[in-house]
All heavy atoms as atom14 arrays in JSON, in Angstrom:
{
  "sequence": "VFQAPVFVMDVSNSACLGCAYRARQGWLGSDK",
  "atom14_mask": [
    [1, 1, 1, 1, 1, 1, 1, 0, 0, 0, 0, 0, 0, 0],
    [1, 1, 1, 1, 1, 1, 1, 1, 1, 1, 1, 0, 0, 0],
    [1, 1, 1, 1, 1, 1, 1, 1, 1, 0, 0, 0, 0, 0],
    [1, 1, 1, 1, 1, 0, 0, 0, 0, 0, 0, 0, 0, 0],
    [1, 1, 1, 1, 1, 1, 1, 0, 0, 0, 0, 0, 0, 0],
    [1, 1, 1, 1, 1, 1, 1, 0, 0, 0, 0, 0, 0, 0],
    [1, 1, 1, 1, 1, 1, 1, 1, 1, 1, 1, 0, 0, 0],
    [1, 1, 1, 1, 1, 1, 1, 0, 0, 0, 0, 0, 0, 0],
    [1, 1, 1, 1, 1, 1, 1, 1, 0, 0, 0, 0, 0, 0],
    [1, 1, 1, 1, 1, 1, 1, 1, 0, 0, 0, 0, 0, 0],
    [1, 1, 1, 1, 1, 1, 1, 0, 0, 0, 0, 0, 0, 0],
    [1, 1, 1, 1, 1, 1, 0, 0, 0, 0, 0, 0, 0, 0],
    [1, 1, 1, 1, 1, 1, 1, 1, 0, 0, 0, 0, 0, 0],
    [1, 1, 1, 1, 1, 1, 0, 0, 0, 0, 0, 0, 0, 0],
    [1, 1, 1, 1, 1, 0, 0, 0, 0, 0, 0, 0, 0, 0],
    [1, 1, 1, 1, 1, 1, 0, 0, 0, 0, 0, 0, 0, 0],
    [1, 1, 1, 1, 1, 1, 1, 1, 0, 0, 0, 0, 0, 0],
    [1, 1, 1, 1, 0, 0, 0, 0, 0, 0, 0, 0, 0, 0],
    [1, 1, 1, 1, 1, 1, 0, 0, 0, 0, 0, 0, 0, 0],
    [1, 1, 1, 1, 1, 0, 0, 0, 0, 0, 0, 0, 0, 0],
    [1, 1, 1, 1, 1, 1, 1, 1, 1, 1, 1, 1, 0, 0],
    [1, 1, 1, 1, 1, 1, 1, 1, 1, 1, 1, 0, 0, 0],
    [1, 1, 1, 1, 1, 0, 0, 0, 0, 0, 0, 0, 0, 0],
    [1, 1, 1, 1, 1, 1, 1, 1, 1, 1, 1, 0, 0, 0],
    [1, 1, 1, 1, 1, 1, 1, 1, 1, 0, 0, 0, 0, 0],
    [1, 1, 1, 1, 0, 0, 0, 0, 0, 0, 0, 0, 0, 0],
    [1, 1, 1, 1, 1, 1, 1, 1, 1, 1, 1, 1, 1, 1],
    [1, 1, 1, 1, 1, 1, 1, 1, 0, 0, 0, 0, 0, 0],
    [1, 1, 1, 1, 0, 0, 0, 0, 0, 0, 0, 0, 0, 0],
    [1, 1, 1, 1, 1, 1, 0, 0, 0, 0, 0, 0, 0, 0],
    [1, 1, 1, 1, 1, 1, 1, 1, 0, 0, 0, 0, 0, 0],
    [1, 1, 1, 1, 1, 1, 1, 1, 1, 0, 0, 0, 0, 0]
  ],
  "atom14_positions": [
    [[-2.36, -49.64, -43.73], [-1.11, -50.24, -43.24], [-0.64, -51.31, -44.2], [0.57, -51.36, -44.55], [-1.27, -50.78, -41.85], [-0.02, -51.64, -41.46], [-1.43, -49.65, -40.81], [0.0, 0.0, 0.0], [0.0, 0.0, 0.0], [0.0, 0.0, 0.0], [0.0, 0.0, 0.0], [0.0, 0.0, 0.0], [0.0, 0.0, 0.0], [0.0, 0.0, 0.0]],
    [[-1.52, -52.2, -44.67], [-1.16, -53.29, -45.59], [-1.2, -52.89, -47.03], [-0.79, -53.68, -47.93], [-2.09, -54.47, -45.35], [-1.68, -55.37, -44.18], [-2.1, -55.08, -42.9], [-0.83, -56.43, -44.35], [-1.74, -55.86, -41.8], [-0.39, -57.21, -43.28], [-0.9, -56.95, -41.99], [0.0, 0.0, 0.0], [0.0, 0.0, 0.0], [0.0, 0.0, 0.0]],
    [[-1.71, -51.68, -47.32], [-1.86, -51.22, -48.71], [-2.56, -52.22, -49.54], [-2.16, -52.63, -50.64], [-0.5, -50.83, -49.32], [-0.02, -49.44, -48.88], [-0.92, -48.32, -49.32], [-1.07, -48.03, -50.56], [-1.58, -47.63, -48.4], [0.0, 0.0, 0.0], [0.0, 0.0, 0.0], [0.0, 0.0, 0.0], [0.0, 0.0, 0.0], [0.0, 0.0, 0.0]],
    [[-3.71, -52.74, -49.02], [-4.52, -53.75, -49.65], [-5.94, -53.55, -49.35], [-6.31, -53.1, -48.23], [-4.02, -55.14, -49.23], [0.0, 0.0, 0.0], [0.0, 0.0, 0.0], [0.0, 0.0, 0.0], [0.0, 0.0, 0.0], [0.0, 0.0, 0.0], [0.0, 0.0, 0.0], [0.0, 0.0, 0.0], [0.0, 0.0, 0.0], [0.0, 0.0, 0.0]],
    [[-6.83, -53.94, -50.25], [-8.3, -53.85, -49.91], [-8.65, -54.86, -48.82], [-8.06, -55.96, -48.79], [-8.96, -54.21, -51.26], [-7.97, -55.02, -51.99], [-6.59, -54.47, -51.61], [0.0, 0.0, 0.0], [0.0, 0.0, 0.0], [0.0, 0.0, 0.0], [0.0, 0.0, 0.0], [0.0, 0.0, 0.0], [0.0, 0.0, 0.0], [0.0, 0.0, 0.0]],
    [[-9.56, -54.49, -47.98], [-9.98, -55.35, -46.9], [-11.41, -55.83, -47.19], [-12.29, -55.0, -47.5], [-9.97, -54.61, -45.55], [-10.57, -55.5, -44.42], [-8.57, -54.26, -45.17], [0.0, 0.0, 0.0], [0.0, 0.0, 0.0], [0.0, 0.0, 0.0], [0.0, 0.0, 0.0], [0.0, 0.0, 0.0], [0.0, 0.0, 0.0], [0.0, 0.0, 0.0]],
    [[-11.6, -57.15, -47.14], [-12.88, -57.73, -47.34], [-13.33, -58.36, -45.97], [-12.49, -58.92, -45.23], [-12.84, -58.81, -48.4], [-12.56, -58.29, -49.8], [-11.27, -58.02, -50.16], [-13.57, -58.08, -50.69], [-10.98, -57.56, -51.48], [-13.31, -57.58, -51.95], [-12.02, -57.32, -52.32], [0.0, 0.0, 0.0], [0.0, 0.0, 0.0], [0.0, 0.0, 0.0]],
    [[-14.57, -58.28, -45.72], [-15.09, -58.89, -44.48], [-15.83, -60.18, -44.84], [-16.38, -60.37, -45.92], [-16.04, -57.95, -43.69], [-15.24, -56.79, -43.16], [-17.18, -57.5, -44.53], [0.0, 0.0, 0.0], [0.0, 0.0, 0.0], [0.0, 0.0, 0.0], [0.0, 0.0, 0.0], [0.0, 0.0, 0.0], [0.0, 0.0, 0.0], [0.0, 0.0, 0.0]],
    [[-15.76, -61.13, -43.9], [-16.35, -62.44, -44.11], [-16.96, -62.91, -42.82], [-16.47, -62.72, -41.74], [-15.23, -63.38, -44.57], [-14.03, -63.36, -43.75], [-12.57, -64.09, -44.49], [-13.12, -65.68, -44.94], [0.0, 0.0, 0.0], [0.0, 0.0, 0.0], [0.0, 0.0, 0.0], [0.0, 0.0, 0.0], [0.0, 0.0, 0.0], [0.0, 0.0, 0.0]],
    [[-18.1, -63.54, -42.96], [-18.85, -64.08, -41.82], [-18.71, -65.58, -41.95], [-19.53, -66.28, -42.54], [-20.31, -63.68, -41.83], [-21.04, -64.21, -40.64], [-20.37, -64.61, -39.68], [-22.31, -64.24, -40.68], [0.0, 0.0, 0.0], [0.0, 0.0, 0.0], [0.0, 0.0, 0.0], [0.0, 0.0, 0.0], [0.0, 0.0, 0.0], [0.0, 0.0, 0.0]],
    [[-17.62, -66.13, -41.4], [-17.36, -67.53, -41.46], [-17.49, -68.18, -40.09], [-16.69, -67.89, -39.21], [-15.95, -67.84, -42.04], [-15.69, -69.31, -42.06], [-15.79, -67.22, -43.44], [0.0, 0.0, 0.0], [0.0, 0.0, 0.0], [0.0, 0.0, 0.0], [0.0, 0.0, 0.0], [0.0, 0.0, 0.0], [0.0, 0.0, 0.0], [0.0, 0.0, 0.0]],
    [[-18.5, -68.96, -39.9], [-18.69, -69.65, -38.63], [-18.1, -71.06, -38.76], [-18.3, -71.72, -39.78], [-20.19, -69.75, -38.3], [-20.45, -70.46, -37.12], [0.0, 0.0, 0.0], [0.0, 0.0, 0.0], [0.0, 0.0, 0.0], [0.0, 0.0, 0.0], [0.0, 0.0, 0.0], [0.0, 0.0, 0.0], [0.0, 0.0, 0.0], [0.0, 0.0, 0.0]],
    [[-17.37, -71.41, -37.75], [-16.77, -72.79, -37.73], [-15.94, -73.0, -39.02], [-16.11, -73.95, -39.74], [-17.84, -73.88, -37.63], [-18.6, -73.87, -36.33], [-18.05, -73.46, -35.28], [-19.84, -74.22, -36.35], [0.0, 0.0, 0.0], [0.0, 0.0, 0.0], [0.0, 0.0, 0.0], [0.0, 0.0, 0.0], [0.0, 0.0, 0.0], [0.0, 0.0, 0.0]],
    [[-15.02, -72.11, -39.22], [-14.25, -72.08, -40.48], [-13.46, -73.37, -40.71], [-13.33, -73.85, -41.88], [-13.31, -70.86, -40.53], [-12.42, -70.87, -39.46], [0.0, 0.0, 0.0], [0.0, 0.0, 0.0], [0.0, 0.0, 0.0], [0.0, 0.0, 0.0], [0.0, 0.0, 0.0], [0.0, 0.0, 0.0], [0.0, 0.0, 0.0], [0.0, 0.0, 0.0]],
    [[-12.88, -74.0, -39.64], [-12.14, -75.21, -39.83], [-13.06, -76.35, -40.32], [-12.72, -77.04, -41.22], [-11.42, -75.61, -38.56], [0.0, 0.0, 0.0], [0.0, 0.0, 0.0], [0.0, 0.0, 0.0], [0.0, 0.0, 0.0], [0.0, 0.0, 0.0], [0.0, 0.0, 0.0], [0.0, 0.0, 0.0], [0.0, 0.0, 0.0], [0.0, 0.0, 0.0]],
    [[-14.22, -76.46, -39.7], [-15.18, -77.49, -40.08], [-15.69, -77.27, -41.51], [-15.71, -78.22, -42.32], [-16.4, -77.38, -39.12], [-17.15, -78.91, -38.68], [0.0, 0.0, 0.0], [0.0, 0.0, 0.0], [0.0, 0.0, 0.0], [0.0, 0.0, 0.0], [0.0, 0.0, 0.0], [0.0, 0.0, 0.0], [0.0, 0.0, 0.0], [0.0, 0.0, 0.0]],
    [[-16.01, -76.02, -41.87], [-16.47, -75.7, -43.19], [-15.35, -75.99, -44.2], [-15.62, -76.54, -45.28], [-16.88, -74.26, -43.25], [-17.4, -73.75, -44.64], [-18.64, -74.53, -45.05], [-17.73, -72.25, -44.55], [0.0, 0.0, 0.0], [0.0, 0.0, 0.0], [0.0, 0.0, 0.0], [0.0, 0.0, 0.0], [0.0, 0.0, 0.0], [0.0, 0.0, 0.0]],
    [[-14.12, -75.58, -43.86], [-13.02, -75.8, -44.77], [-12.83, -77.26, -45.12], [-12.49, -77.67, -46.23], [0.0, 0.0, 0.0], [0.0, 0.0, 0.0], [0.0, 0.0, 0.0], [0.0, 0.0, 0.0], [0.0, 0.0, 0.0], [0.0, 0.0, 0.0], [0.0, 0.0, 0.0], [0.0, 0.0, 0.0], [0.0, 0.0, 0.0], [0.0, 0.0, 0.0]],
    [[-13.07, -78.14, -44.13], [-12.89, -79.56, -44.35], [-14.03, -80.15, -45.17], [-13.84, -81.14, -45.91], [-12.72, -80.29, -43.02], [-11.1, -79.91, -42.22], [0.0, 0.0, 0.0], [0.0, 0.0, 0.0], [0.0, 0.0, 0.0], [0.0, 0.0, 0.0], [0.0, 0.0, 0.0], [0.0, 0.0, 0.0], [0.0, 0.0, 0.0], [0.0, 0.0, 0.0]],
    [[-15.21, -79.59, -45.08], [-16.3, -79.98, -45.96], [-15.9, -79.58, -47.41], [-16.14, -80.38, -48.32], [-17.61, -79.3, -45.56], [0.0, 0.0, 0.0], [0.0, 0.0, 0.0], [0.0, 0.0, 0.0], [0.0, 0.0, 0.0], [0.0, 0.0, 0.0], [0.0, 0.0, 0.0], [0.0, 0.0, 0.0], [0.0, 0.0, 0.0], [0.0, 0.0, 0.0]],
    [[-15.33, -78.37, -47.59], [-14.86, -78.0, -48.93], [-13.82, -78.97, -49.41], [-13.8, -79.4, -50.55], [-14.25, -76.6, -48.86], [-15.18, -75.46, -48.65], [-14.72, -74.27, -48.05], [-16.51, -75.47, -49.06], [-15.58, -73.17, -47.89], [-17.35, -74.39, -48.91], [-16.9, -73.27, -48.26], [-17.72, -72.15, -48.12], [0.0, 0.0, 0.0], [0.0, 0.0, 0.0]],
    [[-12.88, -79.34, -48.51], [-11.75, -80.24, -48.91], [-12.27, -81.59, -49.23], [-11.75, -82.29, -50.12], [-10.73, -80.3, -47.74], [-9.97, -79.01, -47.5], [-9.03, -79.1, -46.32], [-8.15, -80.24, -46.41], [-8.36, -81.37, -45.7], [-9.26, -81.47, -44.81], [-7.53, -82.37, -45.86], [0.0, 0.0, 0.0], [0.0, 0.0, 0.0], [0.0, 0.0, 0.0]],
    [[-13.35, -82.04, -48.53], [-13.95, -83.34, -48.85], [-14.51, -83.29, -50.27], [-14.38, -84.27, -51.07], [-15.07, -83.65, -47.86], [0.0, 0.0, 0.0], [0.0, 0.0, 0.0], [0.0, 0.0, 0.0], [0.0, 0.0, 0.0], [0.0, 0.0, 0.0], [0.0, 0.0, 0.0], [0.0, 0.0, 0.0], [0.0, 0.0, 0.0], [0.0, 0.0, 0.0]],
    [[-15.12, -82.19, -50.65], [-15.68, -82.09, -51.99], [-14.57, -82.12, -53.04], [-14.66, -82.78, -54.1], [-16.47, -80.81, -52.09], [-17.18, -80.67, -53.51], [-18.15, -79.47, -53.49], [-18.94, -79.46, -54.75], [-18.59, -78.7, -55.81], [-17.5, -77.93, -55.73], [-19.3, -78.75, -56.92], [0.0, 0.0, 0.0], [0.0, 0.0, 0.0], [0.0, 0.0, 0.0]],
    [[-13.45, -81.38, -52.77], [-12.35, -81.41, -53.73], [-11.77, -82.8, -53.85], [-11.49, -83.29, -54.99], [-11.24, -80.46, -53.33], [-10.11, -80.38, -54.38], [-8.9, -79.7, -53.84], [-8.66, -79.5, -52.63], [-8.0, -79.35, -54.75], [0.0, 0.0, 0.0], [0.0, 0.0, 0.0], [0.0, 0.0, 0.0], [0.0, 0.0, 0.0], [0.0, 0.0, 0.0]],
    [[-11.6, -83.49, -52.74], [-11.08, -84.86, -52.82], [-11.97, -85.8, -53.58], [-11.49, -86.69, -54.32], [0.0, 0.0, 0.0], [0.0, 0.0, 0.0], [0.0, 0.0, 0.0], [0.0, 0.0, 0.0], [0.0, 0.0, 0.0], [0.0, 0.0, 0.0], [0.0, 0.0, 0.0], [0.0, 0.0, 0.0], [0.0, 0.0, 0.0], [0.0, 0.0, 0.0]],
    [[-13.27, -85.6, -53.46], [-14.23, -86.46, -54.17], [-14.19, -86.13, -55.67], [-14.24, -87.05, -56.48], [-15.62, -86.25, -53.59], [-16.7, -87.02, -54.3], [-16.92, -88.33, -54.25], [-17.73, -86.42, -55.11], [-18.07, -88.64, -55.01], [-18.56, -87.5, -55.51], [-18.04, -85.14, -55.51], [-19.66, -87.29, -56.36], [-19.11, -84.93, -56.35], [-19.96, -86.0, -56.76]],
    [[-14.09, -84.87, -56.01], [-14.03, -84.49, -57.41], [-12.72, -84.91, -58.06], [-12.61, -85.15, -59.26], [-14.22, -82.98, -57.57], [-15.61, -82.42, -57.25], [-15.58, -80.88, -57.18], [-16.64, -82.91, -58.27], [0.0, 0.0, 0.0], [0.0, 0.0, 0.0], [0.0, 0.0, 0.0], [0.0, 0.0, 0.0], [0.0, 0.0, 0.0], [0.0, 0.0, 0.0]],
    [[-11.66, -85.02, -57.22], [-10.34, -85.39, -57.72], [-9.41, -84.22, -57.65], [-9.5, -83.33, -58.53], [0.0, 0.0, 0.0], [0.0, 0.0, 0.0], [0.0, 0.0, 0.0], [0.0, 0.0, 0.0], [0.0, 0.0, 0.0], [0.0, 0.0, 0.0], [0.0, 0.0, 0.0], [0.0, 0.0, 0.0], [0.0, 0.0, 0.0], [0.0, 0.0, 0.0]],
    [[-8.55, -84.19, -56.65], [-7.67, -83.0, -56.5], [-6.67, -82.9, -57.65], [-6.13, -81.83, -57.84], [-6.91, -83.1, -55.15], [-6.14, -84.3, -55.08], [0.0, 0.0, 0.0], [0.0, 0.0, 0.0], [0.0, 0.0, 0.0], [0.0, 0.0, 0.0], [0.0, 0.0, 0.0], [0.0, 0.0, 0.0], [0.0, 0.0, 0.0], [0.0, 0.0, 0.0]],
    [[-6.47, -84.03, -58.39], [-5.6, -83.94, -59.5], [-6.31, -83.4, -60.76], [-5.69, -83.09, -61.77], [-5.04, -85.34, -59.86], [-6.18, -86.37, -60.08], [-7.31, -86.2, -59.57], [-5.94, -87.38, -60.8], [0.0, 0.0, 0.0], [0.0, 0.0, 0.0], [0.0, 0.0, 0.0], [0.0, 0.0, 0.0], [0.0, 0.0, 0.0], [0.0, 0.0, 0.0]],
    [[-7.65, -83.25, -60.64], [-8.43, -82.74, -61.76], [-8.96, -81.34, -61.54], [-9.23, -80.61, -62.5], [-9.62, -83.66, -62.0], [-9.24, -85.12, -62.34], [-10.47, -85.99, -62.36], [-10.09, -87.48, -62.58], [-11.25, -88.38, -62.51], [0.0, 0.0, 0.0], [0.0, 0.0, 0.0], [0.0, 0.0, 0.0], [0.0, 0.0, 0.0], [0.0, 0.0, 0.0]]
  ]
}
């Protein structure tokens, strides 16, 4: 229907995990 490959992902607590990722980016420097 979407004419696109489908990938599956096992993401538990995705919002929480995403914010841990975002914390790492902010620490590394989002401008860098």
